[in-house]
PDB file of N, CA and C in Angstrom:
ATOM      1  N   MET A   1       0.865  -1.123  -0.033  1.00  0.00           N
ATOM      2  CA  MET A   1       0.122   0.035  -0.091  1.00  0.00           C
ATOM      3  C   MET A   1       0.917   1.257  -0.016  1.00  0.00           C
ATOM      4  N   MET A   2       0.579   2.140  -0.913  1.00  0.00           N
ATOM      5  CA  MET A   2       1.351   3.408  -0.990  1.00  0.00           C
ATOM      6  C   MET A   2       0.647   4.484  -0.289  1.00  0.00           C
ATOM      7  N   THR A   3       1.480   5.119   0.512  1.00  0.00           N
ATOM      8  CA  THR A   3       0.707   6.430   1.179  1.00  0.00           C
ATOM      9  C   THR A   3       0.899   7.646   0.366  1.00  0.00           C
ATOM     10  N   GLU A   4      -0.017   8.388   0.103  1.00  0.00           N
ATOM     11  CA  GLU A   4       0.035   9.597  -0.569  1.00  0.00           C
ATOM     12  C   GLU A   4       0.833  10.795   0.276  1.00  0.00           C
ATOM     13  N   LEU A   5       1.561  11.413  -0.236  1.00  0.00           N
ATOM     14  CA  LEU A   5       2.404  12.523   0.417  1.00  0.00           C
ATOM     15  C   LEU A   5       1.819  13.802  -0.062  1.00  0.00           C
ATOM     16  N   ASN A   6       1.372  14.709   0.910  1.00  0.00           N
ATOM     17  CA  ASN A   6       0.869  15.986   0.530  1.00  0.00           C
ATOM     18  C   ASN A   6       1.980  16.933   0.255  1.00  0.00           C
ATOM     19  N   ASP A   7       1.524  18.212  -0.001  1.00  0.00           N
ATOM     20  CA  ASP A   7       2.660  19.131  -0.619  1.00  0.00           C
ATOM     21  C   ASP A   7       3.733  19.323   0.653  1.00  0.00           C
ATOM     22  N   ALA A   8       3.126  19.500   1.850  1.00  0.00           N
ATOM     23  CA  ALA A   8       4.228  19.745   2.814  1.00  0.00           C
ATOM     24  C   ALA A   8       5.097  18.583   3.138  1.00  0.00           C
ATOM     25  N   ALA A   9       4.743  17.316   2.929  1.00  0.00           N
ATOM     26  CA  ALA A   9       5.685  16.114   2.900  1.00  0.00           C
ATOM     27  C   ALA A   9       6.555  16.060   1.788  1.00  0.00           C
ATOM     28  N   LEU A  10       6.057  16.503   0.615  1.00  0.00           N
ATOM     29  CA  LEU A  10       6.823  16.464  -0.575  1.00  0.00           C
ATOM     30  C   LEU A  10       7.869  17.579  -0.422  1.00  0.00           C
ATOM     31  N   LEU A  11       7.753  18.602   0.090  1.00  0.00           N
ATOM     32  CA  LEU A  11       8.730  19.635   0.340  1.00  0.00           C
ATOM     33  C   LEU A  11       9.760  19.199   1.542  1.00  0.00           C
ATOM     34  N   ARG A  12       9.181  18.702   2.556  1.00  0.00           N
ATOM     35  CA  ARG A  12      10.019  18.218   3.614  1.00  0.00           C
ATOM     36  C   ARG A  12      11.041  17.175   3.198  1.00  0.00           C
ATOM     37  N   TYR A  13      10.438  16.218   2.267  1.00  0.00           N
ATOM     38  CA  TYR A  13      11.359  15.068   1.866  1.00  0.00           C
ATOM     39  C   TYR A  13      11.904  15.176   0.488  1.00  0.00           C
ATOM     40  N   SER A  14      11.919  16.437   0.047  1.00  0.00           N
ATOM     41  CA  SER A  14      12.362  16.790  -1.242  1.00  0.00           C
ATOM     42  C   SER A  14      13.793  16.259  -1.523  1.00  0.00           C
ATOM     43  N   ARG A  15      14.654  16.390  -0.605  1.00  0.00           N
ATOM     44  CA  ARG A  15      16.113  15.885  -0.863  1.00  0.00           C
ATOM     45  C   ARG A  15      16.250  14.213  -0.907  1.00  0.00           C
ATOM     46  N   HIS A  16      15.328  13.601  -0.203  1.00  0.00           N
ATOM     47  CA  HIS A  16      15.169  12.183  -0.326  1.00  0.00           C
ATOM     48  C   HIS A  16      14.663  11.807  -1.685  1.00  0.00           C
ATOM     49  N   ILE A  17      13.612  12.456  -2.055  1.00  0.00           N
ATOM     50  CA  ILE A  17      12.947  12.169  -3.273  1.00  0.00           C
ATOM     51  C   ILE A  17      13.868  12.365  -4.701  1.00  0.00           C
ATOM     52  N   LEU A  18      14.756  13.335  -4.378  1.00  0.00           N
ATOM     53  CA  LEU A  18      15.760  13.723  -5.505  1.00  0.00           C
ATOM     54  C   LEU A  18      16.826  12.583  -5.653  1.00  0.00           C
ATOM     55  N   LEU A  19      17.057  11.691  -4.649  1.00  0.00           N
ATOM     56  CA  LEU A  19      17.902  10.687  -4.701  1.00  0.00           C
ATOM     57  C   LEU A  19      17.414   9.538  -5.475  1.00  0.00           C
ATOM     58  N   PRO A  20      18.100   8.976  -6.657  1.00  0.00           N
ATOM     59  CA  PRO A  20      17.530   7.912  -7.466  1.00  0.00           C
ATOM     60  C   PRO A  20      17.134   6.707  -6.769  1.00  0.00           C
ATOM     61  N   GLU A  21      18.042   6.443  -5.677  1.00  0.00           N
ATOM     62  CA  GLU A  21      17.886   5.201  -4.905  1.00  0.00           C
ATOM     63  C   GLU A  21      16.361   5.206  -3.988  1.00  0.00           C
ATOM     64  N   ILE A  22      15.917   6.381  -3.818  1.00  0.00           N
ATOM     65  CA  ILE A  22      14.773   6.673  -3.002  1.00  0.00           C
ATOM     66  C   ILE A  22      13.564   7.143  -3.961  1.00  0.00           C
ATOM     67  N   ASP A  23      13.695   8.195  -4.377  1.00  0.00           N
ATOM     68  CA  ASP A  23      12.545   8.812  -5.289  1.00  0.00           C
ATOM     69  C   ASP A  23      11.289   8.742  -4.690  1.00  0.00           C
ATOM     70  N   ILE A  24      10.183   9.228  -5.278  1.00  0.00           N
ATOM     71  CA  ILE A  24       8.893   9.545  -4.626  1.00  0.00           C
ATOM     72  C   ILE A  24       8.296   8.104  -4.160  1.00  0.00           C
ATOM     73  N   ALA A  25       8.452   7.060  -4.875  1.00  0.00           N
ATOM     74  CA  ALA A  25       7.943   5.780  -4.667  1.00  0.00           C
ATOM     75  C   ALA A  25       8.583   5.129  -3.290  1.00  0.00           C
ATOM     76  N   GLY A  26       9.854   5.416  -3.248  1.00  0.00           N
ATOM     77  CA  GLY A  26      10.686   5.038  -2.040  1.00  0.00           C
ATOM     78  C   GLY A  26      10.089   5.777  -0.764  1.00  0.00           C
ATOM     79  N   GLN A  27       9.871   7.204  -0.941  1.00  0.00           N
ATOM     80  CA  GLN A  27       9.439   8.037   0.208  1.00  0.00           C
ATOM     81  C   GLN A  27       8.085   7.452   0.646  1.00  0.00           C
ATOM     82  N   GLN A  28       7.280   7.244  -0.336  1.00  0.00           N
ATOM     83  CA  GLN A  28       5.847   6.771  -0.101  1.00  0.00           C
ATOM     84  C   GLN A  28       6.013   5.366   0.712  1.00  0.00           C
ATOM     85  N   ARG A  29       6.833   4.439   0.373  1.00  0.00           N
ATOM     86  CA  ARG A  29       7.162   3.271   1.025  1.00  0.00           C
ATOM     87  C   ARG A  29       7.533   3.609   2.482  1.00  0.00           C
ATOM     88  N   LEU A  30       8.301   4.560   2.739  1.00  0.00           N
ATOM     89  CA  LEU A  30       8.832   4.842   4.027  1.00  0.00           C
ATOM     90  C   LEU A  30       7.551   5.299   4.856  1.00  0.00           C
ATOM     91  N   ALA A  31       6.730   6.123   4.163  1.00  0.00           N
ATOM     92  CA  ALA A  31       5.561   6.613   4.996  1.00  0.00           C
ATOM     93  C   ALA A  31       4.559   5.510   5.403  1.00  0.00           C
ATOM     94  N   ALA A  32       4.573   4.417   4.529  1.00  0.00           N
ATOM     95  CA  ALA A  32       3.698   3.235   4.767  1.00  0.00           C
ATOM     96  C   ALA A  32       4.412   2.332   5.653  1.00  0.00           C
ATOM     97  N   ALA A  33       5.650   2.361   5.935  1.00  0.00           N
ATOM     98  CA  ALA A  33       6.466   1.417   6.794  1.00  0.00           C
ATOM     99  C   ALA A  33       6.023   1.381   8.209  1.00  0.00           C
ATOM    100  N   ARG A  34       6.338   0.173   8.753  1.00  0.00           N
ATOM    101  CA  ARG A  34       6.238  -0.170  10.148  1.00  0.00           C
ATOM    102  C   ARG A  34       7.423  -0.576  10.618  1.00  0.00           C
ATOM    103  N   VAL A  35       8.050  -0.100  11.827  1.00  0.00           N
ATOM    104  CA  VAL A  35       9.370  -0.310  12.367  1.00  0.00           C
ATOM    105  C   VAL A  35       9.139  -0.677  13.841  1.00  0.00           C
ATOM    106  N   LEU A  36       9.761  -1.723  14.300  1.00  0.00           N
ATOM    107  CA  LEU A  36       9.768  -2.051  15.771  1.00  0.00           C
ATOM    108  C   LEU A  36      11.247  -1.800  16.212  1.00  0.00           C
ATOM    109  N   VAL A  37      11.325  -0.862  17.067  1.00  0.00           N
ATOM    110  CA  VAL A  37      12.811  -0.717  17.767  1.00  0.00           C
ATOM    111  C   VAL A  37      12.813  -1.337  19.139  1.00  0.00           C
ATOM    112  N   LEU A  38      13.820  -2.148  19.298  1.00  0.00           N
ATOM    113  CA  LEU A  38      13.920  -2.902  20.555  1.00  0.00           C
ATOM    114  C   LEU A  38      14.975  -2.077  21.446  1.00  0.00           C
ATOM    115  N   GLY A  39      14.413  -1.333  22.412  1.00  0.00           N
ATOM    116  CA  GLY A  39      15.113  -0.572  23.359  1.00  0.00           C
ATOM    117  C   GLY A  39      15.331   0.901  22.843  1.00  0.00           C
ATOM    118  N   ALA A  40      14.942   1.744  23.977  1.00  0.00           N
ATOM    119  CA  ALA A  40      14.837   3.153  23.705  1.00  0.00           C
ATOM    120  C   ALA A  40      16.042   3.889  24.464  1.00  0.00           C
ATOM    121  N   GLY A  41      17.179   3.261  24.568  1.00  0.00           N
ATOM    122  CA  GLY A  41      18.289   3.667  25.462  1.00  0.00           C
ATOM    123  C   GLY A  41      19.304   4.487  24.512  1.00  0.00           C
ATOM    124  N   GLY A  42      20.569   4.311  24.846  1.00  0.00           N
ATOM    125  CA  GLY A  42      21.620   5.074  24.245  1.00  0.00           C
ATOM    126  C   GLY A  42      21.745   4.729  22.592  1.00  0.00           C
ATOM    127  N   LEU A  43      21.391   3.517  22.072  1.00  0.00           N
ATOM    128  CA  LEU A  43      21.382   3.521  20.582  1.00  0.00           C
ATOM    129  C   LEU A  43      19.864   3.612  20.124  1.00  0.00           C
ATOM    130  N   GLY A  44      19.031   3.015  20.764  1.00  0.00           N
ATOM    131  CA  GLY A  44      17.592   3.168  20.256  1.00  0.00           C
ATOM    132  C   GLY A  44      17.105   4.441  20.301  1.00  0.00           C
ATOM    133  N   SER A  45      17.475   5.542  21.146  1.00  0.00           N
ATOM    134  CA  SER A  45      16.934   6.810  21.122  1.00  0.00           C
ATOM    135  C   SER A  45      17.308   7.564  19.714  1.00  0.00           C
ATOM    136  N   PRO A  46      18.530   7.638  19.403  1.00  0.00           N
ATOM    137  CA  PRO A  46      18.713   8.301  18.270  1.00  0.00           C
ATOM    138  C   PRO A  46      18.222   7.688  17.022  1.00  0.00           C
ATOM    139  N   VAL A  47      18.072   6.213  16.987  1.00  0.00           N
ATOM    140  CA  VAL A  47      17.538   5.421  15.857  1.00  0.00           C
ATOM    141  C   VAL A  47      16.006   5.826  15.692  1.00  0.00           C
ATOM    142  N   LEU A  48      15.336   6.008  16.795  1.00  0.00           N
ATOM    143  CA  LEU A  48      13.925   6.447  16.733  1.00  0.00           C
ATOM    144  C   LEU A  48      13.847   7.924  16.036  1.00  0.00           C
ATOM    145  N   LEU A  49      14.595   8.739  16.414  1.00  0.00           N
ATOM    146  CA  LEU A  49      14.496  10.101  15.908  1.00  0.00           C
ATOM    147  C   LEU A  49      14.945  10.098  14.414  1.00  0.00           C
ATOM    148  N   TYR A  50      15.974   9.332  13.975  1.00  0.00           N
ATOM    149  CA  TYR A  50      16.267   9.396  12.618  1.00  0.00           C
ATOM    150  C   TYR A  50      15.265   8.540  11.888  1.00  0.00           C
ATOM    151  N   LEU A  51      14.657   7.602  12.342  1.00  0.00           N
ATOM    152  CA  LEU A  51      13.457   6.862  11.597  1.00  0.00           C
ATOM    153  C   LEU A  51      12.260   7.815  11.431  1.00  0.00           C
ATOM    154  N   ALA A  52      11.922   8.694  12.519  1.00  0.00           N
ATOM    155  CA  ALA A  52      10.827   9.402  12.347  1.00  0.00           C
ATOM    156  C   ALA A  52      11.193  10.713  11.323  1.00  0.00           C
ATOM    157  N   SER A  53      12.462  11.170  11.496  1.00  0.00           N
ATOM    158  CA  SER A  53      12.747  12.308  10.546  1.00  0.00           C
ATOM    159  C   SER A  53      12.859  11.885   9.178  1.00  0.00           C
ATOM    160  N   ALA A  54      13.158  10.570   8.964  1.00  0.00           N
ATOM    161  CA  ALA A  54      13.194  10.080   7.534  1.00  0.00           C
ATOM    162  C   ALA A  54      11.923   9.840   6.941  1.00  0.00           C
ATOM    163  N   GLY A  55      10.790   9.961   7.706  1.00  0.00           N
ATOM    164  CA  GLY A  55       9.500   9.727   7.177  1.00  0.00           C
ATOM    165  C   GLY A  55       8.804   8.466   7.573  1.00  0.00           C
ATOM    166  N   VAL A  56       9.399   7.399   8.321  1.00  0.00           N
ATOM    167  CA  VAL A  56       8.703   6.221   8.576  1.00  0.00           C
ATOM    168  C   VAL A  56       7.450   6.509   9.266  1.00  0.00           C
ATOM    169  N   GLY A  57       6.451   5.708   8.590  1.00  0.00           N
ATOM    170  CA  GLY A  57       5.050   6.078   9.100  1.00  0.00           C
ATOM    171  C   GLY A  57       4.595   5.558  10.599  1.00  0.00           C
ATOM    172  N   ARG A  58       5.075   4.394  10.855  1.00  0.00           N
ATOM    173  CA  ARG A  58       4.612   3.931  12.107  1.00  0.00           C
ATOM    174  C   ARG A  58       5.812   3.173  12.839  1.00  0.00           C
ATOM    175  N   ILE A  59       6.240   3.691  14.059  1.00  0.00           N
ATOM    176  CA  ILE A  59       7.199   3.251  14.856  1.00  0.00           C
ATOM    177  C   ILE A  59       6.725   2.740  16.215  1.00  0.00           C
ATOM    178  N   SER A  60       7.237   1.462  16.354  1.00  0.00           N
ATOM    179  CA  SER A  60       6.831   0.926  17.770  1.00  0.00           C
ATOM    180  C   SER A  60       8.112   0.798  18.630  1.00  0.00           C
ATOM    181  N   VAL A  61       8.047   0.849  19.969  1.00  0.00           N
ATOM    182  CA  VAL A  61       8.975   0.845  20.789  1.00  0.00           C
ATOM    183  C   VAL A  61       8.787  -0.343  21.844  1.00  0.00           C
ATOM    184  N   ALA A  62       9.843  -1.189  21.994  1.00  0.00           N
ATOM    185  CA  ALA A  62       9.671  -2.215  22.983  1.00  0.00           C
ATOM    186  C   ALA A  62      10.894  -1.965  24.043  1.00  0.00           C
ATOM    187  N   ASP A  63      10.402  -1.391  25.104  1.00  0.00           N
ATOM    188  CA  ASP A  63      11.360  -0.995  26.307  1.00  0.00           C
ATOM    189  C   ASP A  63      10.681  -0.793  27.671  1.00  0.00           C
ATOM    190  N   ASP A  64      10.996  -1.798  28.419  1.00  0.00           N
ATOM    191  CA  ASP A  64      10.113  -1.504  29.792  1.00  0.00           C
ATOM    192  C   ASP A  64      11.152  -1.004  30.959  1.00  0.00           C
ATOM    193  N   ASP A  65      12.297  -0.369  30.488  1.00  0.00           N
ATOM    194  CA  ASP A  65      13.142   0.232  31.487  1.00  0.00           C
ATOM    195  C   ASP A  65      12.571   1.674  31.748  1.00  0.00           C
ATOM    196  N   VAL A  66      13.036   2.257  32.927  1.00  0.00           N
ATOM    197  CA  VAL A  66      12.647   3.686  33.200  1.00  0.00           C
ATOM    198  C   VAL A  66      13.821   4.472  33.264  1.00  0.00           C
ATOM    199  N   VAL A  67      13.685   5.674  33.149  1.00  0.00           N
ATOM    200  CA  VAL A  67      14.725   6.695  33.245  1.00  0.00           C
ATOM    201  C   VAL A  67      15.167   6.812  34.624  1.00  0.00           C
ATOM    202  N   GLU A  68      16.544   6.568  34.886  1.00  0.00           N
ATOM    203  CA  GLU A  68      17.051   6.875  36.280  1.00  0.00           C
ATOM    204  C   GLU A  68      18.157   7.833  36.205  1.00  0.00           C
ATOM    205  N   LEU A  69      18.499   8.178  37.305  1.00  0.00           N
ATOM    206  CA  LEU A  69      19.590   9.316  37.508  1.00  0.00           C
ATOM    207  C   LEU A  69      20.926   8.924  36.829  1.00  0.00           C
ATOM    208  N   THR A  70      21.282   7.618  36.909  1.00  0.00           N
ATOM    209  CA  THR A  70      22.499   7.102  36.554  1.00  0.00           C
ATOM    210  C   THR A  70      22.486   6.831  34.895  1.00  0.00           C
ATOM    211  N   ASN A  71      21.242   7.045  34.189  1.00  0.00           N
ATOM    212  CA  ASN A  71      21.219   7.136  32.696  1.00  0.00           C
ATOM    213  C   ASN A  71      21.498   8.263  32.118  1.00  0.00           C
ATOM    214  N   LEU A  72      21.231   9.508  32.763  1.00  0.00           N
ATOM    215  CA  LEU A  72      21.361  10.765  32.154  1.00  0.00           C
ATOM    216  C   LEU A  72      22.688  11.122  31.562  1.00  0.00           C
ATOM    217  N   GLN A  73      23.631  10.866  31.976  1.00  0.00           N
ATOM    218  CA  GLN A  73      24.965  11.085  31.422  1.00  0.00           C
ATOM    219  C   GLN A  73      25.043  10.453  29.911  1.00  0.00           C
ATOM    220  N   ARG A  74      24.447   9.457  29.787  1.00  0.00           N
ATOM    221  CA  ARG A  74      24.535   8.808  28.381  1.00  0.00           C
ATOM    222  C   ARG A  74      23.264   8.987  27.482  1.00  0.00           C
ATOM    223  N   ARG A  75      22.267   9.641  28.017  1.00  0.00           N
ATOM    224  CA  ARG A  75      21.108   9.971  27.266  1.00  0.00           C
ATOM    225  C   ARG A  75      20.982  11.378  27.056  1.00  0.00           C
ATOM    226  N   TRP A  76      21.548  11.981  26.159  1.00  0.00           N
ATOM    227  CA  TRP A  76      21.588  13.373  25.725  1.00  0.00           C
ATOM    228  C   TRP A  76      20.299  13.967  25.411  1.00  0.00           C
ATOM    229  N   ARG A  77      19.310  13.030  24.908  1.00  0.00           N
ATOM    230  CA  ARG A  77      18.016  13.571  24.645  1.00  0.00           C
ATOM    231  C   ARG A  77      16.931  13.517  25.839  1.00  0.00           C
ATOM    232  N   THR A  78      17.427  13.128  26.908  1.00  0.00           N
ATOM    233  CA  THR A  78      16.668  12.771  28.157  1.00  0.00           C
ATOM    234  C   THR A  78      16.627  14.001  29.160  1.00  0.00           C
ATOM    235  N   ALA A  79      15.601  14.566  29.478  1.00  0.00           N
ATOM    236  CA  ALA A  79      15.670  15.624  30.454  1.00  0.00           C
ATOM    237  C   ALA A  79      15.652  15.180  31.804  1.00  0.00           C
ATOM    238  N   TRP A  80      16.265  15.912  32.801  1.00  0.00           N
ATOM    239  CA  TRP A  80      16.177  15.676  34.310  1.00  0.00           C
ATOM    240  C   TRP A  80      14.897  15.416  34.769  1.00  0.00           C
ATOM    241  N   GLN A  81      13.873  15.982  34.332  1.00  0.00           N
ATOM    242  CA  GLN A  81      12.495  15.675  34.769  1.00  0.00           C
ATOM    243  C   GLN A  81      11.961  14.429  34.312  1.00  0.00           C
ATOM    244  N   ALA A  82      12.402  13.734  33.484  1.00  0.00           N
ATOM    245  CA  ALA A  82      11.990  12.466  32.950  1.00  0.00           C
ATOM    246  C   ALA A  82      12.296  11.242  33.976  1.00  0.00           C
ATOM    247  N   ARG A  83      13.120  11.519  35.098  1.00  0.00           N
ATOM    248  CA  ARG A  83      13.335  10.424  35.871  1.00  0.00           C
ATOM    249  C   ARG A  83      12.268   9.633  36.371  1.00  0.00           C
ATOM    250  N   GLY A  84      12.210   8.500  36.427  1.00  0.00           N
ATOM    251  CA  GLY A  84      11.092   7.685  36.766  1.00  0.00           C
ATOM    252  C   GLY A  84      10.000   7.316  35.791  1.00  0.00           C
ATOM    253  N   ARG A  85      10.030   7.961  34.682  1.00  0.00           N
ATOM    254  CA  ARG A  85       9.239   7.516  33.629  1.00  0.00           C
ATOM    255  C   ARG A  85       9.708   6.582  32.631  1.00  0.00           C
ATOM    256  N   THR A  86       8.917   5.859  32.093  1.00  0.00           N
ATOM    257  CA  THR A  86       9.378   4.814  31.006  1.00  0.00           C
ATOM    258  C   THR A  86       9.821   5.445  29.800  1.00  0.00           C
ATOM    259  N   ARG A  87      10.822   4.885  29.212  1.00  0.00           N
ATOM    260  CA  ARG A  87      11.350   5.366  28.003  1.00  0.00           C
ATOM    261  C   ARG A  87      10.486   5.186  26.859  1.00  0.00           C
ATOM    262  N   ARG A  88       9.721   4.046  26.929  1.00  0.00           N
ATOM    263  CA  ARG A  88       8.654   3.534  25.854  1.00  0.00           C
ATOM    264  C   ARG A  88       7.696   4.707  25.754  1.00  0.00           C
ATOM    265  N   VAL A  89       7.397   5.378  26.728  1.00  0.00           N
ATOM    266  CA  VAL A  89       6.270   6.634  26.553  1.00  0.00           C
ATOM    267  C   VAL A  89       7.018   7.933  26.159  1.00  0.00           C
ATOM    268  N   ARG A  90       8.131   8.088  26.556  1.00  0.00           N
ATOM    269  CA  ARG A  90       8.842   9.333  26.297  1.00  0.00           C
ATOM    270  C   ARG A  90       9.359   9.522  24.975  1.00  0.00           C
ATOM    271  N   ARG A  91       9.895   8.338  24.350  1.00  0.00           N
ATOM    272  CA  ARG A  91      10.572   8.389  22.945  1.00  0.00           C
ATOM    273  C   ARG A  91       9.382   8.731  21.808  1.00  0.00           C
ATOM    274  N   PRO A  92       8.322   8.110  21.855  1.00  0.00           N
ATOM    275  CA  PRO A  92       7.334   8.355  20.782  1.00  0.00           C
ATOM    276  C   PRO A  92       6.864   9.893  20.910  1.00  0.00           C
ATOM    277  N   ARG A  93       6.631  10.346  21.905  1.00  0.00           N
ATOM    278  CA  ARG A  93       6.306  11.814  22.021  1.00  0.00           C
ATOM    279  C   ARG A  93       7.341  12.646  21.333  1.00  0.00           C
ATOM    280  N   ARG A  94       8.647  12.438  21.662  1.00  0.00           N
ATOM    281  CA  ARG A  94       9.584  13.202  20.979  1.00  0.00           C
ATOM    282  C   ARG A  94       9.514  13.006  19.440  1.00  0.00           C
ATOM    283  N   CYS A  95       9.389  11.790  19.014  1.00  0.00           N
ATOM    284  CA  CYS A  95       9.230  11.542  17.623  1.00  0.00           C
ATOM    285  C   CYS A  95       8.053  12.273  16.984  1.00  0.00           C
ATOM    286  N   ARG A  96       6.861  12.338  17.638  1.00  0.00           N
ATOM    287  CA  ARG A  96       5.768  13.042  16.967  1.00  0.00           C
ATOM    288  C   ARG A  96       5.974  14.466  17.015  1.00  0.00           C
ATOM    289  N   ARG A  97       6.733  14.971  18.021  1.00  0.00           N
ATOM    290  CA  ARG A  97       6.922  16.383  18.065  1.00  0.00           C
ATOM    291  C   ARG A  97       7.839  16.828  16.839  1.00  0.00           C
ATOM    292  N   SER A  98       8.776  16.051  16.531  1.00  0.00           N
ATOM    293  CA  SER A  98       9.751  16.397  15.298  1.00  0.00           C
ATOM    294  C   SER A  98       8.997  15.988  13.966  1.00  0.00           C
ATOM    295  N   THR A  99       8.163  14.939  13.902  1.00  0.00           N
ATOM    296  CA  THR A  99       7.540  14.586  12.787  1.00  0.00           C
ATOM    297  C   THR A  99       6.122  14.246  12.998  1.00  0.00           C
ATOM    298  N   PRO A 100       5.131  15.120  12.891  1.00  0.00           N
ATOM    299  CA  PRO A 100       3.755  14.960  13.319  1.00  0.00           C
ATOM    300  C   PRO A 100       3.231  13.655  12.577  1.00  0.00           C
ATOM    301  N   ARG A 101       3.499  13.336  11.460  1.00  0.00           N
ATOM    302  CA  ARG A 101       2.865  12.386  10.757  1.00  0.00           C
ATOM    303  C   ARG A 101       3.126  11.079  11.327  1.00  0.00           C
ATOM    304  N   CYS A 102       4.210  10.786  12.005  1.00  0.00           N
ATOM    305  CA  CYS A 102       4.640   9.562  12.571  1.00  0.00           C
ATOM    306  C   CYS A 102       3.692   9.168  13.538  1.00  0.00           C
ATOM    307  N   ARG A 103       3.428   7.830  13.728  1.00  0.00           N
ATOM    308  CA  ARG A 103       2.659   7.330  14.765  1.00  0.00           C
ATOM    309  C   ARG A 103       3.387   6.368  15.610  1.00  0.00           C
TER     310      ARG A 103
END
């Protein structure tokens, strides 16, 4: 199933679309894609943001860990106030803020 891209999405992803390896069909496939990321820690956190920024349509996160004080030096995207909250809830919110189309 191909996902239609509106004018704003075409403009946002225009550099991807210009690449012959991706083009408009590839960007539509990214918009229709589903990805599961295992872990939202030091490696998973930037992966989630890059996937959302690339235009992946649906991203799921599997991580039952919580943000602890000892995590903050390795988690550059995690705020001090996030201590005690699950990473599984925090990461998707950040992805949606950067890319509203992402679910």
